Protein backbone atom coordinates (compact mmCIF):
# COMPACT_ATOMS: atom_id res chain seq x y z
CA MET A 1 0.00 0.00 0.00
CA SER A 2 1.37 3.44 -0.93
CA ASP A 3 2.30 6.14 1.58
CA ALA A 4 -0.55 8.26 0.26
CA THR A 5 -3.02 5.47 0.90
CA GLU A 6 -1.68 4.96 4.41
CA ARG A 7 -1.99 8.67 5.11
CA LYS A 8 -5.60 8.82 3.92
CA GLY A 9 -6.66 6.05 6.29
CA HIS A 10 -7.80 3.06 4.25
CA PRO A 11 -11.14 1.79 5.68
CA ARG A 12 -10.59 -1.71 7.04
CA ALA A 13 -12.89 -4.63 6.46
CA VAL A 14 -14.37 -6.76 9.23
CA GLY A 15 -11.88 -7.44 12.01
CA GLU A 16 -9.20 -5.09 10.68
CA VAL A 17 -9.59 -2.14 13.10
CA ASP A 18 -6.15 -1.51 14.57
CA PRO A 19 -6.39 -0.99 18.35
CA ALA A 20 -3.23 1.10 18.26
CA VAL A 21 -4.93 3.85 16.26
CA ARG A 22 -8.46 3.73 17.63
CA GLY A 23 -7.92 6.69 19.93
CA LEU A 24 -6.20 8.92 17.39
CA PRO A 25 -8.06 12.14 16.57
CA SER A 26 -7.33 11.59 12.85
CA TRP A 27 -10.19 9.08 12.73
CA ALA A 28 -13.37 11.07 12.16
CA ILE A 29 -15.55 7.93 12.13
CA GLU A 30 -14.86 4.60 13.82
CA VAL A 31 -17.24 1.67 13.56
CA GLU A 32 -16.46 -1.50 15.49
CA ALA A 33 -18.47 -4.71 15.11
CA ILE A 34 -21.80 -2.86 14.72
CA THR A 35 -24.78 -5.20 14.53
CA LYS A 36 -28.41 -4.25 14.06
CA ARG A 37 -31.43 -6.51 13.65
CA PHE A 38 -35.00 -5.73 12.66
CA GLY A 39 -36.97 -8.74 13.80
CA SER A 40 -35.45 -11.76 12.11
CA THR A 41 -33.56 -9.65 9.53
CA GLU A 42 -29.94 -8.81 10.21
CA ALA A 43 -29.49 -5.33 8.73
CA LEU A 44 -25.86 -5.02 9.86
CA ALA A 45 -23.58 -7.90 10.80
CA ALA A 46 -20.42 -6.98 12.75
CA VAL A 47 -19.53 -4.06 10.46
CA ASP A 48 -16.07 -2.52 10.95
CA LEU A 49 -14.69 0.56 9.23
CA THR A 50 -12.75 3.74 9.89
CA VAL A 51 -12.64 7.06 8.07
CA GLU A 52 -9.81 9.55 8.40
CA ALA A 53 -10.64 13.22 8.91
CA GLY A 54 -10.78 15.25 5.74
CA THR A 55 -11.50 12.32 3.41
CA VAL A 56 -14.52 10.87 1.64
CA LEU A 57 -15.71 7.34 2.27
CA GLY A 58 -18.02 5.97 -0.39
CA LEU A 59 -20.45 3.39 1.00
CA LEU A 60 -21.73 1.20 -1.80
CA GLY A 61 -24.35 -1.52 -1.80
CA PRO A 62 -27.69 -2.53 -3.28
CA ASN A 63 -31.00 -1.65 -1.68
CA GLY A 64 -31.25 -3.51 1.60
CA ALA A 65 -27.48 -3.75 2.03
CA GLY A 66 -27.60 -1.80 5.31
CA LYS A 67 -26.24 1.56 4.13
CA THR A 68 -29.07 3.69 5.49
CA THR A 69 -29.17 1.71 8.73
CA LEU A 70 -25.49 2.48 9.31
CA VAL A 71 -26.02 6.17 8.54
CA ARG A 72 -28.94 6.32 10.99
CA ILE A 73 -26.78 4.75 13.70
CA LEU A 74 -23.96 7.24 13.07
CA THR A 75 -26.44 10.12 13.28
CA THR A 76 -27.93 8.83 16.59
CA LEU A 77 -31.32 8.07 14.99
CA LEU A 78 -30.92 4.35 15.71
CA VAL A 79 -29.14 2.50 18.50
CA PRO A 80 -27.09 -0.57 17.53
CA ASP A 81 -27.83 -3.93 19.08
CA SER A 82 -24.12 -4.55 19.68
CA GLY A 83 -20.75 -3.07 18.84
CA ARG A 84 -19.99 0.60 19.06
CA ALA A 85 -19.36 3.61 16.86
CA ARG A 86 -17.63 6.93 17.45
CA VAL A 87 -17.85 10.17 15.50
CA VAL A 88 -14.99 12.62 16.13
CA GLY A 89 -14.22 10.61 19.23
CA HIS A 90 -17.75 10.70 20.70
CA ASP A 91 -19.73 7.52 21.23
CA VAL A 92 -22.98 7.63 19.24
CA VAL A 93 -24.95 6.20 22.18
CA ARG A 94 -23.29 7.55 25.32
CA ASP A 95 -22.40 10.96 23.82
CA ALA A 96 -25.32 11.36 21.41
CA PHE A 97 -25.69 15.10 22.01
CA ARG A 98 -22.00 15.76 21.28
CA VAL A 99 -22.25 13.64 18.14
CA ARG A 100 -25.24 15.67 16.95
CA SER A 101 -23.25 18.85 17.57
CA SER A 102 -20.51 17.58 15.24
CA ILE A 103 -22.43 16.20 12.28
CA GLY A 104 -24.63 17.25 9.41
CA LEU A 105 -27.14 14.87 7.81
CA ALA A 106 -28.61 14.98 4.33
CA GLY A 107 -30.95 12.07 3.74
CA GLN A 108 -32.26 10.41 0.60
CA HIS A 109 -34.91 13.12 0.17
CA ALA A 110 -34.37 16.86 0.53
CA ALA A 111 -35.67 17.57 4.04
CA VAL A 112 -36.54 21.22 3.55
CA ASP A 113 -39.55 23.00 4.96
CA GLU A 114 -41.55 24.04 1.91
CA MET A 115 -43.47 26.74 3.77
CA LEU A 116 -40.31 28.55 4.87
CA THR A 117 -38.02 30.55 2.63
CA GLY A 118 -34.53 29.30 1.91
CA ARG A 119 -33.13 31.80 4.40
CA GLU A 120 -35.68 30.83 7.06
CA ASN A 121 -34.84 27.14 6.61
CA LEU A 122 -31.17 27.82 7.28
CA GLU A 123 -31.82 30.19 10.17
CA LEU A 124 -34.11 27.65 11.84
CA VAL A 125 -31.38 25.01 11.72
CA GLY A 126 -28.84 27.55 12.96
CA ARG A 127 -31.02 28.44 15.94
CA LEU A 128 -31.39 24.77 16.78
CA TYR A 129 -27.62 24.40 16.64
CA GLY A 130 -27.57 27.00 19.42
CA LEU A 131 -26.33 29.99 17.43
CA ARG A 132 -27.22 33.47 18.62
CA ARG A 133 -29.60 35.45 16.43
CA GLN A 134 -27.01 37.67 14.70
CA GLY A 135 -24.52 34.85 14.25
CA CYS A 136 -27.29 32.67 12.89
CA ARG A 137 -28.24 35.24 10.27
CA GLN A 138 -24.63 35.71 9.19
CA ARG A 139 -24.03 31.97 8.99
CA ALA A 140 -27.17 31.52 6.86
CA GLU A 141 -26.05 34.31 4.55
CA ASP A 142 -22.60 32.73 4.16
CA VAL A 143 -24.17 29.39 3.24
CA LEU A 144 -26.58 30.98 0.76
CA ILE A 145 -23.67 32.68 -1.00
CA ARG A 146 -21.67 29.47 -1.09
CA LEU A 147 -24.61 27.53 -2.53
CA GLY A 148 -25.46 30.17 -5.10
CA LEU A 149 -28.94 30.64 -3.62
CA THR A 150 -28.84 34.33 -2.68
CA ASP A 151 -31.25 35.33 -5.46
CA ALA A 152 -33.78 32.76 -4.22
CA ALA A 153 -33.07 33.23 -0.49
CA ASP A 154 -36.39 34.89 0.29
CA ARG A 155 -38.59 32.68 -1.86
CA LEU A 156 -40.58 29.84 -0.32
CA ALA A 157 -38.73 26.55 -0.68
CA LYS A 158 -41.76 25.00 -2.37
CA THR A 159 -40.92 27.14 -5.44
CA TYR A 160 -37.39 25.69 -5.72
CA SER A 161 -36.33 23.25 -8.42
CA GLY A 162 -35.11 19.77 -7.44
CA GLY A 163 -31.47 20.84 -7.70
CA MET A 164 -32.06 23.97 -5.62
CA ARG A 165 -33.87 21.96 -2.95
CA ARG A 166 -30.93 19.55 -2.80
CA ARG A 167 -28.48 22.43 -2.42
CA LEU A 168 -30.63 23.96 0.30
CA ASP A 169 -30.84 20.59 2.03
CA LEU A 170 -27.06 20.28 1.97
CA GLY A 171 -26.79 23.90 3.09
CA ALA A 172 -28.86 23.09 6.18
CA THR A 173 -26.19 20.56 7.13
CA LEU A 174 -23.50 23.27 6.82
CA VAL A 175 -25.02 25.99 9.00
CA GLY A 176 -23.61 24.45 12.18
CA ARG A 177 -20.21 24.00 10.50
CA PRO A 178 -20.06 20.29 11.32
CA SER A 179 -16.79 18.45 10.95
CA VAL A 180 -18.51 15.35 9.55
CA LEU A 181 -21.19 15.16 6.85
CA LEU A 182 -23.26 12.04 6.30
CA LEU A 183 -24.86 12.14 2.87
CA ASP A 184 -27.33 9.35 2.13
CA GLU A 185 -27.74 9.23 -1.66
CA PRO A 186 -27.67 13.04 -1.89
CA THR A 187 -27.98 13.23 -5.70
CA ALA A 188 -30.80 10.69 -6.12
CA GLY A 189 -33.34 11.98 -8.62
CA LEU A 190 -31.28 14.94 -9.82
CA ASP A 191 -30.59 15.68 -13.46
CA PRO A 192 -26.96 15.37 -14.64
CA ARG A 193 -26.22 19.09 -14.38
CA ALA A 194 -27.59 19.41 -10.85
CA ARG A 195 -25.69 16.26 -9.86
CA THR A 196 -22.43 17.68 -11.19
CA ASP A 197 -23.00 20.97 -9.34
CA LEU A 198 -23.51 19.07 -6.09
CA TRP A 199 -20.36 17.02 -6.69
CA ARG A 200 -18.34 20.23 -7.02
CA LEU A 201 -19.77 21.54 -3.77
CA ILE A 202 -18.90 18.32 -1.93
CA GLU A 203 -15.36 18.50 -3.32
CA GLN A 204 -15.02 22.08 -2.05
CA LEU A 205 -16.18 21.05 1.42
CA VAL A 206 -13.62 18.25 1.57
CA GLU A 207 -10.88 20.64 0.44
CA ASP A 208 -11.82 22.77 3.47
CA GLY A 209 -11.29 19.78 5.79
CA THR A 210 -14.78 18.31 6.10
CA THR A 211 -15.09 14.54 6.41
CA VAL A 212 -17.81 12.96 4.27
CA LEU A 213 -19.48 9.57 4.43
CA LEU A 214 -21.37 9.19 1.17
CA THR A 215 -23.82 6.42 0.31
CA SER A 216 -24.69 6.07 -3.34
CA GLN A 217 -25.86 3.75 -6.07
CA TYR A 218 -24.16 5.91 -8.70
CA LEU A 219 -20.80 4.25 -9.22
CA GLU A 220 -19.57 7.21 -11.27
CA GLU A 221 -20.29 9.44 -8.27
CA VAL A 222 -18.31 7.31 -5.85
CA ASP A 223 -15.46 6.90 -8.35
CA ARG A 224 -15.17 10.69 -8.61
CA LEU A 225 -15.62 11.71 -4.98
CA ALA A 226 -14.44 8.88 -2.73
CA ASP A 227 -10.91 8.48 -1.38
CA HIS A 228 -11.93 5.01 -0.21
CA ILE A 229 -14.84 2.67 -0.73
CA VAL A 230 -16.58 0.11 1.44
CA VAL A 231 -19.00 -2.29 -0.23
CA LEU A 232 -21.88 -3.62 1.89
CA ASP A 233 -24.09 -6.52 0.92
CA LYS A 234 -26.73 -8.09 3.16
CA GLY A 235 -25.37 -6.16 6.14
CA ARG A 236 -21.74 -7.27 5.74
CA VAL A 237 -18.58 -5.60 4.51
CA ILE A 238 -17.57 -7.64 1.47
CA ALA A 239 -14.88 -5.35 -0.01
CA ALA A 240 -12.91 -2.26 0.96
CA GLY A 241 -10.17 -0.17 -0.60
CA THR A 242 -9.43 2.79 -2.81
CA PRO A 243 -11.22 2.89 -6.16
CA ALA A 244 -7.97 1.96 -7.89
CA GLU A 245 -7.33 -0.97 -5.53
CA LEU A 246 -10.79 -2.39 -6.04
CA LYS A 247 -10.49 -2.11 -9.80
CA ARG A 248 -7.10 -3.86 -9.74
CA ALA A 249 -8.58 -6.63 -7.61
CA VAL A 250 -10.99 -7.48 -10.41
CA GLY A 251 -8.12 -7.62 -12.91
CA GLY A 252 -7.61 -6.06 -16.30
CA GLU A 253 -6.28 -2.67 -17.32
CA HIS A 254 -9.79 -1.16 -17.72
CA ALA A 255 -11.83 -2.62 -15.01
CA THR A 256 -14.65 -0.19 -13.81
CA LEU A 257 -16.44 0.08 -10.51
CA ASP A 258 -19.44 -1.56 -12.21
CA ASP A 259 -17.23 -4.58 -12.80
CA VAL A 260 -16.06 -4.49 -9.19
CA PHE A 261 -19.60 -4.32 -7.87
CA LEU A 262 -20.82 -7.14 -10.09
CA THR A 263 -17.84 -9.30 -9.14
CA VAL A 264 -18.03 -8.90 -5.36
CA THR A 265 -21.83 -8.90 -4.98
CA GLY A 266 -22.99 -11.03 -7.88
CA HIS A 267 -25.50 -8.40 -9.01
CA THR A 268 -25.62 -4.82 -10.23
CA ALA A 269 -25.65 -1.74 -8.04
CA THR A 270 -29.34 -1.07 -8.63
CA ALA A 271 -30.59 -4.58 -7.90
CA GLU A 272 -33.58 -4.66 -5.59
CA GLN A 273 -33.58 -6.67 -2.38
CA PRO A 274 -36.65 -7.57 -0.30
CA PHE A 275 -35.35 -5.70 2.75
CA ASP A 276 -34.61 -1.98 2.61
CA ASP A 277 -33.79 -0.87 6.13
CA PRO A 278 -37.38 -0.77 7.49
CA PRO A 279 -37.71 1.65 10.40
CA LEU A 280 -38.28 0.11 13.79
CA PRO A 281 -38.01 1.61 17.28
CA ALA A 282 -34.63 2.72 18.51
CA ARG A 283 -33.75 2.14 22.14
CA THR A 284 -32.66 5.03 24.31
CA THR A 285 -30.03 4.24 26.90
CA SER A 286 -29.86 5.88 30.29
CA ALA A 287 -26.59 7.57 29.32
CA ALA A 288 -28.14 9.09 26.20
CA GLN A 289 -31.14 10.21 28.24
CA ALA A 290 -28.86 11.87 30.79
CA SER A 291 -27.08 13.81 28.04
CA SER A 292 -30.40 14.85 26.52
CA ASN A 293 -31.82 15.91 29.90
CA GLU A 294 -28.77 18.03 30.62
CA TYR A 295 -29.23 19.81 27.31
CA ARG A 296 -32.96 20.34 27.75
CA GLN A 297 -32.28 22.06 31.06
CA ARG A 298 -29.89 24.49 29.39
CA ARG A 299 -31.71 25.48 26.25
CA ALA A 300 -35.13 23.83 25.93
CA LEU A 301 -37.05 27.11 25.89
CA HIS A 302 -34.79 28.50 23.14
CA ASP A 303 -35.50 25.48 20.94
CA VAL A 304 -39.25 25.45 21.63
CA LEU A 305 -39.52 29.14 20.65
CA ALA A 306 -37.60 28.51 17.42
CA VAL A 307 -39.99 25.71 16.42
CA THR A 308 -43.02 27.72 17.57
CA LYS A 309 -41.99 30.56 15.25
CA ARG A 310 -41.69 28.09 12.39
CA ASP A 311 -45.18 26.71 12.95
CA LEU A 312 -46.71 30.16 13.37
CA LEU A 313 -45.22 31.07 9.98
CA HIS A 314 -46.90 27.95 8.58
CA ASN A 315 -50.24 29.09 9.99
CA ALA A 316 -49.79 32.58 8.55
CA ARG A 317 -48.86 31.25 5.10
CA LEU A 318 -51.47 28.52 5.03
CA PRO A 319 -54.50 30.23 6.59
CA GLN A 320 -56.82 27.77 4.87
CA ALA A 321 -55.30 24.97 6.98
CA TRP A 322 -56.51 26.40 10.29
CA MET A 323 -59.48 28.27 8.84
CA PHE A 324 -60.94 24.96 7.65
CA GLY A 325 -60.87 23.62 11.20
CA ALA A 326 -62.21 26.88 12.60
CA LEU A 327 -65.02 27.28 10.07
CA ASN A 328 -66.43 23.81 10.57
CA PRO A 329 -67.65 24.61 14.11
CA VAL A 330 -68.97 27.96 12.85
CA LEU A 331 -71.07 26.21 10.22
CA PHE A 332 -72.03 23.66 12.84
CA VAL A 333 -73.40 26.25 15.27
CA LEU A 334 -75.23 28.16 12.53
CA MET A 335 -76.84 25.00 11.21
CA PHE A 336 -78.01 23.82 14.61
CA TYR A 337 -79.17 27.30 15.66
CA TRP A 338 -81.19 28.03 12.54
CA VAL A 339 -82.39 24.53 11.66
CA PHE A 340 -82.85 22.75 15.00
CA GLY A 341 -82.93 25.59 17.48
CA GLY A 342 -86.68 25.49 17.93
CA ALA A 343 -86.82 21.72 18.33
CA ILE A 344 -84.20 21.16 21.04
CA GLN A 345 -85.21 21.96 24.61
CA THR A 346 -82.47 23.29 26.92
CA PRO A 347 -84.07 24.09 30.30
CA GLY A 348 -82.57 27.18 31.92
CA PHE A 349 -80.77 28.33 28.76
CA ARG A 350 -81.56 29.91 25.46
CA PHE A 351 -80.49 27.38 22.87
CA ILE A 352 -77.74 29.61 21.42
CA ASP A 353 -76.27 30.15 24.90
CA TYR A 354 -76.36 26.41 25.50
CA LEU A 355 -74.89 25.52 22.09
CA VAL A 356 -71.89 27.86 21.85
CA PRO A 357 -69.82 26.45 24.77
CA GLY A 358 -70.19 22.98 23.27
CA THR A 359 -69.11 24.23 19.86
CA LEU A 360 -66.07 25.93 21.36
CA VAL A 361 -64.96 22.62 22.82
CA THR A 362 -65.51 21.03 19.39
CA THR A 363 -63.23 23.72 17.93
CA VAL A 364 -60.29 22.71 20.12
CA LEU A 365 -61.00 19.02 19.57
CA ILE A 366 -60.68 19.49 15.80
CA ALA A 367 -57.48 21.50 16.31
CA GLY A 368 -55.93 18.42 17.91
CA GLY A 369 -56.50 16.57 14.63
CA THR A 370 -54.70 19.36 12.82
CA THR A 371 -51.69 18.70 15.02
CA ALA A 372 -51.74 15.08 13.89
CA ILE A 373 -51.80 16.11 10.24
CA GLY A 374 -48.86 18.48 10.70
CA ILE A 375 -46.76 15.80 12.40
CA THR A 376 -47.38 13.31 9.57
CA GLU A 377 -46.38 15.92 6.99
CA ASP A 378 -43.12 16.57 8.87
CA LEU A 379 -42.42 12.85 8.95
CA LYS A 380 -43.04 12.43 5.24
CA ALA A 381 -40.88 15.45 4.34
CA GLY A 382 -37.95 14.16 6.39
CA VAL A 383 -38.10 17.17 8.71
CA VAL A 384 -38.40 14.95 11.78
CA ASP A 385 -35.19 13.08 10.98
CA ARG A 386 -33.42 16.35 10.17
CA LEU A 387 -34.38 17.87 13.51
CA ARG A 388 -33.69 14.69 15.49
CA SER A 389 -30.13 14.74 14.15
CA LEU A 390 -29.55 18.28 15.47
CA PRO A 391 -28.27 19.18 18.95
CA MET A 392 -31.66 20.39 20.13
CA ALA A 393 -34.00 19.49 22.97
CA ARG A 394 -35.60 16.24 21.90
CA SER A 395 -39.15 17.36 22.62
CA ALA A 396 -38.82 20.85 21.10
CA LEU A 397 -40.50 19.96 17.80
CA LEU A 398 -43.55 18.65 19.63
CA ALA A 399 -43.68 21.35 22.29
CA GLY A 400 -43.21 24.09 19.69
CA ARG A 401 -46.01 22.71 17.54
CA THR A 402 -48.43 22.40 20.46
CA VAL A 403 -47.65 25.97 21.58
CA ALA A 404 -48.27 27.22 18.03
CA ASP A 405 -51.49 25.21 17.95
CA ALA A 406 -52.55 26.85 21.20
CA CYS A 407 -52.08 30.24 19.52
CA ARG A 408 -54.18 29.00 16.60
CA ASN A 409 -56.85 27.92 19.09
CA VAL A 410 -57.04 31.51 20.33
CA LEU A 411 -57.89 32.62 16.80
CA GLY A 412 -60.41 29.82 16.34
CA VAL A 413 -62.17 30.58 19.63
CA ALA A 414 -62.21 34.31 18.85
CA LEU A 415 -63.76 33.65 15.44
CA MET A 416 -66.38 31.36 16.98
CA ILE A 417 -67.31 33.90 19.66
CA GLY A 418 -67.59 36.69 17.08
CA VAL A 419 -69.98 34.70 14.89
CA ALA A 420 -71.97 33.49 17.91
CA MET A 421 -72.44 37.01 19.27
CA ALA A 422 -73.59 38.14 15.83
CA VAL A 423 -76.50 35.68 16.04
CA GLY A 424 -77.45 36.48 19.62
CA PHE A 425 -75.06 34.69 22.00
CA ARG A 426 -74.30 36.57 25.22
CA PHE A 427 -72.21 35.99 28.34
CA HIS A 428 -74.10 35.94 31.66
CA ALA A 429 -71.25 35.88 34.17
CA ARG A 430 -68.56 38.10 35.65
CA ALA A 431 -65.55 38.90 33.46
CA VAL A 432 -63.24 36.81 35.64
CA ASN A 433 -65.41 33.75 35.07
CA VAL A 434 -65.49 34.34 31.31
CA VAL A 435 -61.70 34.67 31.23
CA GLY A 436 -61.49 31.48 33.27
CA SER A 437 -63.65 29.68 30.69
CA PHE A 438 -61.24 30.70 27.92
CA GLY A 439 -58.28 29.54 30.00
CA LEU A 440 -59.96 26.17 30.53
CA LEU A 441 -60.65 25.85 26.79
CA LEU A 442 -57.01 26.57 25.92
CA LEU A 443 -55.76 24.14 28.57
CA PHE A 444 -57.98 21.38 27.21
CA GLY A 445 -56.97 22.30 23.65
CA TYR A 446 -53.28 22.07 24.61
CA ALA A 447 -53.87 18.61 26.08
CA VAL A 448 -55.74 17.50 22.96
CA SER A 449 -52.86 18.73 20.77
CA TRP A 450 -50.54 16.27 22.51
CA VAL A 451 -53.08 13.53 21.83
CA GLY A 452 -53.05 14.61 18.18
CA GLY A 453 -49.26 14.50 18.13
CA SER A 454 -49.32 10.93 19.41
CA VAL A 455 -51.89 9.95 16.79
CA GLY A 456 -49.83 11.53 14.01
CA LEU A 457 -46.67 9.70 15.05
CA ALA A 458 -48.63 6.46 15.25
CA VAL A 459 -50.46 6.57 11.89
CA LYS A 460 -47.64 8.37 9.97
CA ASP A 461 -50.01 9.09 7.09
CA SER A 462 -51.65 12.45 6.44
CA GLN A 463 -54.82 10.92 4.96
CA ALA A 464 -55.30 8.69 7.98
CA ALA A 465 -54.58 11.69 10.22
CA SER A 466 -57.23 13.70 8.34
CA VAL A 467 -59.79 11.02 9.11
CA MET A 468 -58.73 11.12 12.76
CA ALA A 469 -59.08 14.91 12.73
CA VAL A 470 -62.80 14.60 11.99
CA GLY A 471 -63.98 11.23 13.30
CA PRO A 472 -63.13 11.25 17.03
CA PRO A 473 -64.09 14.95 17.58
CA THR A 474 -67.43 14.32 15.87
CA PHE A 475 -68.05 11.22 17.99
CA LEU A 476 -67.15 13.01 21.24
CA THR A 477 -69.31 16.01 20.30
CA PHE A 478 -72.43 14.01 19.55
CA THR A 479 -72.02 11.78 22.60
CA SER A 480 -71.63 14.69 24.99
CA SER A 481 -73.67 17.54 26.41
CA ALA A 482 -72.41 19.85 23.65
CA ILE A 483 -75.71 19.97 21.72
CA VAL A 484 -78.44 18.47 23.87
CA PRO A 485 -78.77 17.84 27.62
CA VAL A 486 -77.59 14.38 28.60
CA GLY A 487 -80.89 13.81 30.42
CA THR A 488 -82.73 13.78 27.09
CA MET A 489 -80.66 10.87 25.79
CA PRO A 490 -81.70 7.19 26.15
CA GLY A 491 -81.05 5.92 29.66
CA TRP A 492 -78.65 3.19 28.54
CA LEU A 493 -76.48 5.83 26.83
CA GLN A 494 -76.27 8.44 29.56
CA ALA A 495 -73.40 6.97 31.59
CA PHE A 496 -70.81 7.64 28.88
CA PRO A 497 -71.85 11.23 28.03
CA ARG A 498 -71.92 12.20 31.68
CA ASN A 499 -68.32 11.13 32.28
CA GLN A 500 -66.38 11.55 29.05
CA PRO A 501 -63.93 14.48 28.91
CA ALA A 502 -65.74 16.53 26.26
CA SER A 503 -68.93 16.65 28.35
CA VAL A 504 -67.02 17.57 31.48
CA VAL A 505 -65.22 20.45 29.77
CA VAL A 506 -68.41 21.63 28.03
CA ASN A 507 -70.27 21.69 31.34
CA ALA A 508 -67.43 23.58 33.03
CA VAL A 509 -67.14 26.18 30.24
CA ARG A 510 -70.94 26.60 30.09
CA ALA A 511 -71.15 27.11 33.85
CA LEU A 512 -68.33 29.68 33.82
CA MET A 513 -69.78 31.62 30.89
CA HIS A 514 -73.30 31.75 32.28
CA GLY A 515 -72.74 32.10 36.02
CA GLY A 516 -73.97 28.69 37.13
CA PRO A 517 -72.41 26.41 39.77
CA ALA A 518 -69.01 25.73 38.23
CA PHE A 519 -66.62 24.22 40.77
CA HIS A 520 -67.90 20.65 40.42
CA TRP A 521 -67.23 20.68 36.69
CA VAL A 522 -64.13 22.88 36.65
CA TRP A 523 -62.02 20.67 38.88
CA GLN A 524 -62.99 17.61 36.80
CA ALA A 525 -62.14 19.46 33.56
CA VAL A 526 -58.74 20.50 34.95
CA LEU A 527 -58.14 16.94 36.12
CA TRP A 528 -59.01 15.51 32.70
CA SER A 529 -56.71 18.00 30.98
CA ALA A 530 -53.86 17.33 33.40
CA ALA A 531 -54.32 13.57 32.99
CA LEU A 532 -54.19 13.80 29.19
CA ILE A 533 -51.03 15.92 29.40
CA ALA A 534 -49.42 13.59 31.94
CA VAL A 535 -50.10 10.54 29.76
CA PHE A 536 -49.59 11.87 26.25
CA VAL A 537 -46.59 14.20 26.69
CA PRO A 538 -44.16 11.41 27.68
CA LEU A 539 -45.86 8.96 25.29
CA THR A 540 -45.59 11.35 22.34
CA VAL A 541 -41.99 12.28 23.15
CA ARG A 542 -41.13 8.57 23.30
CA GLN A 543 -42.83 8.00 19.95
CA TYR A 544 -40.97 10.96 18.48
CA ASN A 545 -37.61 9.67 19.68
CA ARG A 546 -38.38 6.40 17.89
CA ALA A 547 -40.12 7.92 14.89
CA SER A 548 -39.26 7.21 11.26
CA VAL A 549 -41.00 6.58 7.96
């Protein structure tokens, strides 16, 4: 092996990691006997490799070879079953936060937020890296200049071409100036010109000292960019070396990487395999939790506010998204007031005064479904993986979204009250009681948003989430005291409406708004809300930490 090859740190195959050099800072990535199973399928089988700082490792293999699984382990998104891996000297399990502070991840699909501008995308990532506001803006500007995106910086990302989106996606990995980039098929789906532009950018980054682990099925891409290559097949390292060494191993003066791949794997680079790194739950160790908890204590509020701003911008730029949820209850109250108002008896109340508190609770119930839809869209766009690979508080995405949804609930409730008062609704209680009723509504709405977040992470599909946004709220509304007194329902049915959370909150809000005896219902409504928060906050955070698509 030449001196140059020795200096660049030839990635070793299984069993070849030299203990004498494991602790050297020149190794940007060290993988030792990493194994990962998904059920009965062994995605990675005792994989060993090392990558020297400032070089490019090309990770080749067919679909299902284990490439993406290895990348997700190195970016702390999955925990290995055995073995260990270090990135810039930090263990990916025990020092997960430090690893996330040192890496940038660009996945198979451009994980950009379409409803933010290019500049806003970069600034959001910068804030979640912990940069101060001014430094964040300057860093985003520097990246935009480097990527050639300054002219499009203030356009929404949804207007970008595929090549521009890829550059912005890569730019998001650069804002924190990570020392290691993990690029999982970064040029997939790009036209030849856009692919070549991205290759040049990667070459510039490496010239500046960045270490790159690149997975690809484009052999030309790996041949051009990689200092060294590791070939994976069925979770095992089956070949490793420089491009020239692998070509020589096949024999012949003009052997290509296609020949190498066909020789060592027995099939072409694009061959399909039945297993393609299906996502399953990652385990979280106590050490990783301790690191995450320490970070949350230091900067959780900062991260939550950054995500809240992002979601508020979404609401402002997609008013139809929240207006749809807000208008449904408006139409609901108008229909019942004008069509059925004379037929429904509500002793002690005018029908409109009885109906509006129930409709307000329906408004916040529907908003919880909107949370579920937003979470599924973030999963599909790759935003969840992007944010989970950043050094941010692990629950900030969820907390920020639920805070933004609470702000949206304020608008929905205000709209509902305005329409209701236009058709005759009036408050019949002291101002403090009315304010208390709004506070109770927002508390219940916040709790329901966490339920929606859990549903979104569970179903992972926006269409299914849309069904959940309508079905359960409708069921709870019609089996509660929202529209008609429970006493008018069939006797066999009354037990459920009297005790389900929607009825309890409706009764509490109605009593506060109209000056009736409220304490009995208020404490139950607060208890229901607190119970939902206590159950679904940790459940949703746990789902988020294990989430993938």
